[in-house]
């Protein structure tokens, strides 16, 4: 911004939108981080703005955690459920096959059954 000739500089509101994780954060504004602008005082390029926190506290942290872990958790649970269903189908088919083998083996005659 060009210098103001009237002597009274009005504060400028700047809005920055960026993703923030839940919790408390210290906010610092840095102007001219590479010292590319020639100034009389290079030490005033940093301003601590205080701590940024949410009014919801632990609810925001819980929601962020749920959002982060919900999809992997659901994938894991659905994979385990699919494996359980496949296992139950395999057990059921094995029992059916064993029952068929038992039924067929009872119909086979042996020499002891042929005696008169």
C-alpha atoms as a PDB file:
ATOM      1  CA  UNK A   1       0.000   0.000   0.000  1.00  0.00           C
ATOM      2  CA  UNK A   2       1.279   3.468  -0.729  1.00  0.00           C
ATOM      3  CA  UNK A   3       1.975   5.689   2.286  1.00  0.00           C
ATOM      4  CA  UNK A   4      -0.940   7.784   3.463  1.00  0.00           C
ATOM      5  CA  UNK A   5      -0.274  11.540   3.324  1.00  0.00           C
ATOM      6  CA  UNK A   6      -2.936  12.419   5.891  1.00  0.00           C
ATOM      7  CA  UNK A   7      -1.001  10.792   8.717  1.00  0.00           C
ATOM      8  CA  UNK A   8      -3.854   8.549   9.933  1.00  0.00           C
ATOM      9  CA  UNK A   9      -3.751   5.080   8.473  1.00  0.00           C
ATOM     10  CA  UNK A  10      -6.947   3.066   8.731  1.00  0.00           C
ATOM     11  CA  UNK A  11      -6.537  -0.622   9.495  1.00  0.00           C
ATOM     12  CA  UNK A  12      -6.950  -2.896   6.529  1.00  0.00           C
ATOM     13  CA  UNK A  13      -8.928  -6.121   6.936  1.00  0.00           C
ATOM     14  CA  UNK A  14      -7.425  -9.104   5.176  1.00  0.00           C
ATOM     15  CA  UNK A  15      -9.244 -12.442   4.996  1.00  0.00           C
ATOM     16  CA  UNK A  16      -7.204 -15.566   4.315  1.00  0.00           C
ATOM     17  CA  UNK A  17      -8.975 -18.844   3.659  1.00  0.00           C
ATOM     18  CA  UNK A  18      -6.930 -21.973   4.223  1.00  0.00           C
ATOM     19  CA  UNK A  19      -7.557 -25.381   5.823  1.00  0.00           C
ATOM     20  CA  UNK A  20      -6.945 -25.482   9.551  1.00  0.00           C
ATOM     21  CA  UNK A  21      -6.909 -28.516  11.776  1.00  0.00           C
ATOM     22  CA  UNK A  22      -9.065 -28.498  14.896  1.00  0.00           C
ATOM     23  CA  UNK A  23      -7.575 -27.221  18.134  1.00  0.00           C
ATOM     24  CA  UNK A  24      -5.797 -24.051  19.267  1.00  0.00           C
ATOM     25  CA  UNK A  25      -3.353 -22.290  16.963  1.00  0.00           C
ATOM     26  CA  UNK A  26      -1.084 -19.283  17.339  1.00  0.00           C
ATOM     27  CA  UNK A  27      -1.623 -16.842  14.454  1.00  0.00           C
ATOM     28  CA  UNK A  28       1.326 -14.834  13.119  1.00  0.00           C
ATOM     29  CA  UNK A  29       1.255 -12.382  10.200  1.00  0.00           C
ATOM     30  CA  UNK A  30       4.515 -11.971   8.287  1.00  0.00           C
ATOM     31  CA  UNK A  31       4.945  -9.266   5.653  1.00  0.00           C
ATOM     32  CA  UNK A  32       7.891  -9.309   3.254  1.00  0.00           C
ATOM     33  CA  UNK A  33       9.407 -12.595   4.524  1.00  0.00           C
ATOM     34  CA  UNK A  34      12.276 -12.403   2.029  1.00  0.00           C
ATOM     35  CA  UNK A  35      13.093  -8.751   2.858  1.00  0.00           C
ATOM     36  CA  UNK A  36      12.609  -7.735  -0.778  1.00  0.00           C
ATOM     37  CA  UNK A  37      11.177  -4.320   0.132  1.00  0.00           C
ATOM     38  CA  UNK A  38      13.655  -1.727   1.348  1.00  0.00           C
ATOM     39  CA  UNK A  39      12.452  -0.339   4.681  1.00  0.00           C
ATOM     40  CA  UNK A  40      13.820   1.873   7.420  1.00  0.00           C
ATOM     41  CA  UNK A  41      12.858  -0.757  10.027  1.00  0.00           C
ATOM     42  CA  UNK A  42      13.114  -4.398   8.878  1.00  0.00           C
ATOM     43  CA  UNK A  43      12.283  -5.696  12.373  1.00  0.00           C
ATOM     44  CA  UNK A  44       8.562  -4.859  12.202  1.00  0.00           C
ATOM     45  CA  UNK A  45       7.611  -7.404   9.500  1.00  0.00           C
ATOM     46  CA  UNK A  46       6.210  -9.913  12.011  1.00  0.00           C
ATOM     47  CA  UNK A  47       3.116  -9.477  14.187  1.00  0.00           C
ATOM     48  CA  UNK A  48       1.717 -12.020  16.646  1.00  0.00           C
ATOM     49  CA  UNK A  49      -2.076 -11.873  16.381  1.00  0.00           C
ATOM     50  CA  UNK A  50      -2.818 -14.170  19.278  1.00  0.00           C
ATOM     51  CA  UNK A  51      -4.366 -17.565  19.562  1.00  0.00           C
ATOM     52  CA  UNK A  52      -7.048 -18.838  17.204  1.00  0.00           C
ATOM     53  CA  UNK A  53      -9.462 -21.362  18.660  1.00  0.00           C
ATOM     54  CA  UNK A  54     -12.960 -22.614  18.058  1.00  0.00           C
ATOM     55  CA  UNK A  55     -15.933 -22.039  20.305  1.00  0.00           C
ATOM     56  CA  UNK A  56     -16.904 -25.713  19.980  1.00  0.00           C
ATOM     57  CA  UNK A  57     -13.715 -27.070  21.562  1.00  0.00           C
ATOM     58  CA  UNK A  58     -13.546 -30.856  21.676  1.00  0.00           C
ATOM     59  CA  UNK A  59     -16.522 -31.243  19.308  1.00  0.00           C
ATOM     60  CA  UNK A  60     -14.429 -29.890  16.427  1.00  0.00           C
ATOM     61  CA  UNK A  61     -11.590 -32.261  17.294  1.00  0.00           C
ATOM     62  CA  UNK A  62     -14.007 -35.213  17.441  1.00  0.00           C
ATOM     63  CA  UNK A  63     -15.585 -34.271  14.110  1.00  0.00           C
ATOM     64  CA  UNK A  64     -12.182 -33.929  12.452  1.00  0.00           C
ATOM     65  CA  UNK A  65     -11.084 -37.298  13.827  1.00  0.00           C
ATOM     66  CA  UNK A  66     -14.322 -38.927  12.658  1.00  0.00           C
ATOM     67  CA  UNK A  67     -13.925 -37.371   9.235  1.00  0.00           C
ATOM     68  CA  UNK A  68     -10.357 -38.583   8.960  1.00  0.00           C
ATOM     69  CA  UNK A  69     -10.941 -42.157  10.125  1.00  0.00           C
ATOM     70  CA  UNK A  70     -14.520 -42.918   9.040  1.00  0.00           C
ATOM     71  CA  UNK A  71     -13.752 -44.071   5.484  1.00  0.00           C
ATOM     72  CA  UNK A  72     -10.782 -46.337   6.355  1.00  0.00           C
ATOM     73  CA  UNK A  73     -12.733 -47.788   9.289  1.00  0.00           C
ATOM     74  CA  UNK A  74     -15.757 -48.533   7.099  1.00  0.00           C
ATOM     75  CA  UNK A  75     -13.541 -50.152   4.446  1.00  0.00           C
ATOM     76  CA  UNK A  76     -11.920 -52.352   7.089  1.00  0.00           C
ATOM     77  CA  UNK A  77     -15.260 -53.348   8.662  1.00  0.00           C
ATOM     78  CA  UNK A  78     -16.859 -54.099   5.291  1.00  0.00           C
ATOM     79  CA  UNK A  79     -13.850 -56.205   4.266  1.00  0.00           C
ATOM     80  CA  UNK A  80     -14.116 -58.225   7.485  1.00  0.00           C
ATOM     81  CA  UNK A  81     -17.882 -58.665   6.949  1.00  0.00           C
ATOM     82  CA  UNK A  82     -17.323 -59.823   3.352  1.00  0.00           C
ATOM     83  CA  UNK A  83     -14.712 -62.328   4.513  1.00  0.00           C
ATOM     84  CA  UNK A  84     -17.121 -63.627   7.195  1.00  0.00           C
ATOM     85  CA  UNK A  85     -19.899 -64.115   4.614  1.00  0.00           C
ATOM     86  CA  UNK A  86     -17.497 -65.897   2.246  1.00  0.00           C
ATOM     87  CA  UNK A  87     -16.368 -68.133   5.124  1.00  0.00           C
ATOM     88  CA  UNK A  88     -19.963 -69.026   6.035  1.00  0.00           C
ATOM     89  CA  UNK A  89     -20.737 -69.871   2.393  1.00  0.00           C
ATOM     90  CA  UNK A  90     -17.647 -72.092   2.199  1.00  0.00           C
ATOM     91  CA  UNK A  91     -18.613 -73.908   5.426  1.00  0.00           C
ATOM     92  CA  UNK A  92     -22.176 -74.425   4.174  1.00  0.00           C
ATOM     93  CA  UNK A  93     -21.016 -75.811   0.832  1.00  0.00           C
ATOM     94  CA  UNK A  94     -18.534 -78.132   2.539  1.00  0.00           C
ATOM     95  CA  UNK A  95     -21.300 -79.504   4.770  1.00  0.00           C
ATOM     96  CA  UNK A  96     -23.528 -80.066   1.722  1.00  0.00           C
ATOM     97  CA  UNK A  97     -20.707 -81.877  -0.096  1.00  0.00           C
ATOM     98  CA  UNK A  98     -19.988 -84.084   2.929  1.00  0.00           C
ATOM     99  CA  UNK A  99     -23.707 -84.890   3.236  1.00  0.00           C
ATOM    100  CA  UNK A 100     -23.802 -85.907  -0.455  1.00  0.00           C
ATOM    101  CA  UNK A 101     -20.730 -88.116  -0.018  1.00  0.00           C
ATOM    102  CA  UNK A 102     -22.354 -89.793   3.009  1.00  0.00           C
ATOM    103  CA  UNK A 103     -25.575 -90.365   1.063  1.00  0.00           C
ATOM    104  CA  UNK A 104     -23.703 -91.834  -1.904  1.00  0.00           C
ATOM    105  CA  UNK A 105     -21.492 -94.073   0.255  1.00  0.00           C
ATOM    106  CA  UNK A 106     -24.549 -95.613   1.952  1.00  0.00           C
ATOM    107  CA  UNK A 107     -25.890 -96.685  -1.441  1.00  0.00           C
ATOM    108  CA  UNK A 108     -22.702 -98.534  -2.468  1.00  0.00           C
ATOM    109  CA  UNK A 109     -22.950-102.263  -1.859  1.00  0.00           C
ATOM    110  CA  UNK A 110     -20.117-104.254  -0.423  1.00  0.00           C
ATOM    111  CA  UNK A 111     -19.515-108.014  -0.472  1.00  0.00           C
ATOM    112  CA  UNK A 112     -20.851-108.322   3.035  1.00  0.00           C
ATOM    113  CA  UNK A 113     -24.198-106.839   1.915  1.00  0.00           C
ATOM    114  CA  UNK A 114     -24.529-109.402  -0.941  1.00  0.00           C
ATOM    115  CA  UNK A 115     -24.398-112.566   1.231  1.00  0.00           C
ATOM    116  CA  UNK A 116     -27.509-114.631   1.531  1.00  0.00           C
END
